Amino acid sequence: MKASGSRRSIRMGDQILQELALLLLEEVQDPRLELVSLSGCKLNADMSIALVSFTVGGGPERRKLALDGLNKAKGFLRSGLAKRMNMRSLPELRFTHDDFLEDMVYAKPGHADS
């Protein structure tokens, strides 16, 4: 997916991210989505697909459960977005795990040779 770098798509991605986070916090009751944090949202060039990044503590099994929960809630989240946002058409939601924060926090420090 080629991400759009326009100010409009960045602004829309930020708004989608904020509304999705509120929906997860206030309305979604799936226990698989507890402690899931949304970390980013990028829209493709024609703004038809939103790639939403998330982080969650735990190992690969916990990440898979969270991804399954997000994919199952995709329709509910999209309809919630439609109620909260004034858009002609909403992008399709796709979810991906964000390894960046975990790599930063849990990375082993490199050994510098002197």
C-alpha atoms as a PDB file:
ATOM      1  CA  MET A   1       0.000   0.000   0.000  1.00  0.00           C
ATOM      2  CA  LYS A   2       1.443   3.330  -1.048  1.00  0.00           C
ATOM      3  CA  ALA A   3       0.757   5.811   1.732  1.00  0.00           C
ATOM      4  CA  SER A   4      -0.381   9.312   0.935  1.00  0.00           C
ATOM      5  CA  GLY A   5       1.677  12.117   2.422  1.00  0.00           C
ATOM      6  CA  SER A   6      -0.805  14.931   1.874  1.00  0.00           C
ATOM      7  CA  ARG A   7      -1.830  17.085   4.806  1.00  0.00           C
ATOM      8  CA  ARG A   8      -5.456  16.114   4.265  1.00  0.00           C
ATOM      9  CA  SER A   9      -4.742  12.381   4.493  1.00  0.00           C
ATOM     10  CA  ILE A  10      -2.505  12.857   7.541  1.00  0.00           C
ATOM     11  CA  ARG A  11      -5.191  14.918   9.275  1.00  0.00           C
ATOM     12  CA  MET A  12      -7.864  12.371   8.373  1.00  0.00           C
ATOM     13  CA  GLY A  13      -5.651   9.512   9.581  1.00  0.00           C
ATOM     14  CA  ASP A  14      -5.152  11.279  12.905  1.00  0.00           C
ATOM     15  CA  GLN A  15      -8.906  11.789  13.267  1.00  0.00           C
ATOM     16  CA  ILE A  16      -9.639   8.148  12.392  1.00  0.00           C
ATOM     17  CA  LEU A  17      -7.030   7.026  14.932  1.00  0.00           C
ATOM     18  CA  GLN A  18      -8.524   9.207  17.668  1.00  0.00           C
ATOM     19  CA  GLU A  19     -12.095   8.044  17.012  1.00  0.00           C
ATOM     20  CA  LEU A  20     -11.069   4.370  16.829  1.00  0.00           C
ATOM     21  CA  ALA A  21      -9.222   4.691  20.140  1.00  0.00           C
ATOM     22  CA  LEU A  22     -12.345   6.168  21.754  1.00  0.00           C
ATOM     23  CA  LEU A  23     -14.521   3.423  20.294  1.00  0.00           C
ATOM     24  CA  LEU A  24     -12.176   0.737  21.630  1.00  0.00           C
ATOM     25  CA  LEU A  25     -12.104   2.360  25.038  1.00  0.00           C
ATOM     26  CA  GLU A  26     -15.805   3.136  25.411  1.00  0.00           C
ATOM     27  CA  GLU A  27     -17.807   0.671  23.334  1.00  0.00           C
ATOM     28  CA  VAL A  28     -15.921  -2.495  22.388  1.00  0.00           C
ATOM     29  CA  GLN A  29     -16.367  -5.246  24.981  1.00  0.00           C
ATOM     30  CA  ASP A  30     -14.049  -7.898  23.499  1.00  0.00           C
ATOM     31  CA  PRO A  31     -11.596  -9.130  26.175  1.00  0.00           C
ATOM     32  CA  ARG A  32      -9.004  -9.800  23.447  1.00  0.00           C
ATOM     33  CA  LEU A  33      -8.771  -6.039  22.922  1.00  0.00           C
ATOM     34  CA  GLU A  34      -7.970  -5.096  26.516  1.00  0.00           C
ATOM     35  CA  LEU A  35      -4.704  -3.162  26.756  1.00  0.00           C
ATOM     36  CA  VAL A  36      -4.496  -2.720  22.965  1.00  0.00           C
ATOM     37  CA  SER A  37      -3.052   0.676  22.043  1.00  0.00           C
ATOM     38  CA  LEU A  38      -3.444   2.193  18.604  1.00  0.00           C
ATOM     39  CA  SER A  39      -0.187   3.779  17.506  1.00  0.00           C
ATOM     40  CA  GLY A  40      -0.785   5.085  13.996  1.00  0.00           C
ATOM     41  CA  CYS A  41      -3.047   5.318  10.967  1.00  0.00           C
ATOM     42  CA  LYS A  42      -1.892   5.775   7.380  1.00  0.00           C
ATOM     43  CA  LEU A  43      -4.200   6.230   4.420  1.00  0.00           C
ATOM     44  CA  ASN A  44      -3.346   5.081   0.908  1.00  0.00           C
ATOM     45  CA  ALA A  45      -3.164   7.555  -1.986  1.00  0.00           C
ATOM     46  CA  ASP A  46      -6.890   7.524  -2.816  1.00  0.00           C
ATOM     47  CA  MET A  47      -7.874   7.304   0.890  1.00  0.00           C
ATOM     48  CA  SER A  48      -9.821   4.075   0.398  1.00  0.00           C
ATOM     49  CA  ILE A  49      -7.712   2.014   2.836  1.00  0.00           C
ATOM     50  CA  ALA A  50      -6.647   2.947   6.368  1.00  0.00           C
ATOM     51  CA  LEU A  51      -3.768   0.903   7.769  1.00  0.00           C
ATOM     52  CA  VAL A  52      -4.077   1.107  11.558  1.00  0.00           C
ATOM     53  CA  SER A  53      -1.063   0.089  13.654  1.00  0.00           C
ATOM     54  CA  PHE A  54      -1.489  -1.298  17.158  1.00  0.00           C
ATOM     55  CA  THR A  55       0.654  -2.463  20.035  1.00  0.00           C
ATOM     56  CA  VAL A  56      -0.165  -4.915  22.794  1.00  0.00           C
ATOM     57  CA  GLY A  57       1.872  -6.441  25.584  1.00  0.00           C
ATOM     58  CA  GLY A  58       2.620 -10.143  25.576  1.00  0.00           C
ATOM     59  CA  GLY A  59       4.024 -12.565  23.096  1.00  0.00           C
ATOM     60  CA  PRO A  60       3.048 -13.612  19.592  1.00  0.00           C
ATOM     61  CA  GLU A  61      -0.057 -15.454  20.830  1.00  0.00           C
ATOM     62  CA  ARG A  62      -1.374 -12.281  22.491  1.00  0.00           C
ATOM     63  CA  ARG A  63      -0.679 -10.269  19.312  1.00  0.00           C
ATOM     64  CA  LYS A  64      -2.593 -12.821  17.228  1.00  0.00           C
ATOM     65  CA  LEU A  65      -5.549 -12.724  19.629  1.00  0.00           C
ATOM     66  CA  ALA A  66      -5.582  -8.917  19.483  1.00  0.00           C
ATOM     67  CA  LEU A  67      -5.390  -8.942  15.674  1.00  0.00           C
ATOM     68  CA  ASP A  68      -8.236 -11.473  15.491  1.00  0.00           C
ATOM     69  CA  GLY A  69     -10.299  -9.318  17.857  1.00  0.00           C
ATOM     70  CA  LEU A  70      -9.672  -6.176  15.805  1.00  0.00           C
ATOM     71  CA  ASN A  71     -10.553  -7.947  12.566  1.00  0.00           C
ATOM     72  CA  LYS A  72     -13.744  -9.316  14.114  1.00  0.00           C
ATOM     73  CA  ALA A  73     -14.699  -5.818  15.361  1.00  0.00           C
ATOM     74  CA  LYS A  74     -13.845  -4.202  12.010  1.00  0.00           C
ATOM     75  CA  GLY A  75     -17.472  -3.778  10.908  1.00  0.00           C
ATOM     76  CA  PHE A  76     -18.545  -2.406  14.282  1.00  0.00           C
ATOM     77  CA  LEU A  77     -15.615   0.022  14.331  1.00  0.00           C
ATOM     78  CA  ARG A  78     -16.324   1.191  10.794  1.00  0.00           C
ATOM     79  CA  SER A  79     -19.992   1.825  11.541  1.00  0.00           C
ATOM     80  CA  GLY A  80     -18.988   3.666  14.716  1.00  0.00           C
ATOM     81  CA  LEU A  81     -16.652   5.820  12.647  1.00  0.00           C
ATOM     82  CA  ALA A  82     -19.470   6.584  10.215  1.00  0.00           C
ATOM     83  CA  LYS A  83     -21.595   7.898  13.085  1.00  0.00           C
ATOM     84  CA  ARG A  84     -18.785  10.024  14.506  1.00  0.00           C
ATOM     85  CA  MET A  85     -17.187  11.393  11.322  1.00  0.00           C
ATOM     86  CA  ASN A  86     -18.662  13.413   8.518  1.00  0.00           C
ATOM     87  CA  MET A  87     -17.207  11.693   5.454  1.00  0.00           C
ATOM     88  CA  ARG A  88     -18.644  10.743   2.089  1.00  0.00           C
ATOM     89  CA  SER A  89     -16.974   7.360   2.156  1.00  0.00           C
ATOM     90  CA  LEU A  90     -15.058   5.672   4.913  1.00  0.00           C
ATOM     91  CA  PRO A  91     -11.853   3.806   4.177  1.00  0.00           C
ATOM     92  CA  GLU A  92     -11.566   0.061   4.615  1.00  0.00           C
ATOM     93  CA  LEU A  93      -9.844  -0.690   7.925  1.00  0.00           C
ATOM     94  CA  ARG A  94      -6.783  -2.928   7.978  1.00  0.00           C
ATOM     95  CA  PHE A  95      -4.805  -3.669  11.117  1.00  0.00           C
ATOM     96  CA  THR A  96      -1.128  -4.405  11.581  1.00  0.00           C
ATOM     97  CA  HIS A  97       1.029  -4.924  14.633  1.00  0.00           C
ATOM     98  CA  ASP A  98       3.535  -2.140  15.280  1.00  0.00           C
ATOM     99  CA  ASP A  99       6.909  -3.534  16.350  1.00  0.00           C
ATOM    100  CA  PHE A 100       8.633  -0.154  16.531  1.00  0.00           C
ATOM    101  CA  LEU A 101       7.886   0.638  20.185  1.00  0.00           C
ATOM    102  CA  GLU A 102       8.672  -2.877  21.348  1.00  0.00           C
ATOM    103  CA  ASP A 103      11.959  -2.815  19.450  1.00  0.00           C
ATOM    104  CA  MET A 104      12.859   0.499  21.103  1.00  0.00           C
ATOM    105  CA  VAL A 105      11.937  -0.635  24.628  1.00  0.00           C
ATOM    106  CA  TYR A 106      13.121  -4.224  24.584  1.00  0.00           C
ATOM    107  CA  ALA A 107      16.094  -4.008  22.219  1.00  0.00           C
ATOM    108  CA  LYS A 108      19.311  -5.257  23.688  1.00  0.00           C
ATOM    109  CA  PRO A 109      21.960  -2.578  23.729  1.00  0.00           C
ATOM    110  CA  GLY A 110      24.702  -3.153  21.192  1.00  0.00           C
ATOM    111  CA  HIS A 111      28.242  -3.608  22.282  1.00  0.00           C
ATOM    112  CA  ALA A 112      30.562  -0.984  20.910  1.00  0.00           C
ATOM    113  CA  ASP A 113      34.083  -2.107  20.246  1.00  0.00           C
ATOM    114  CA  SER A 114      36.708   0.294  21.580  1.00  0.00           C
END
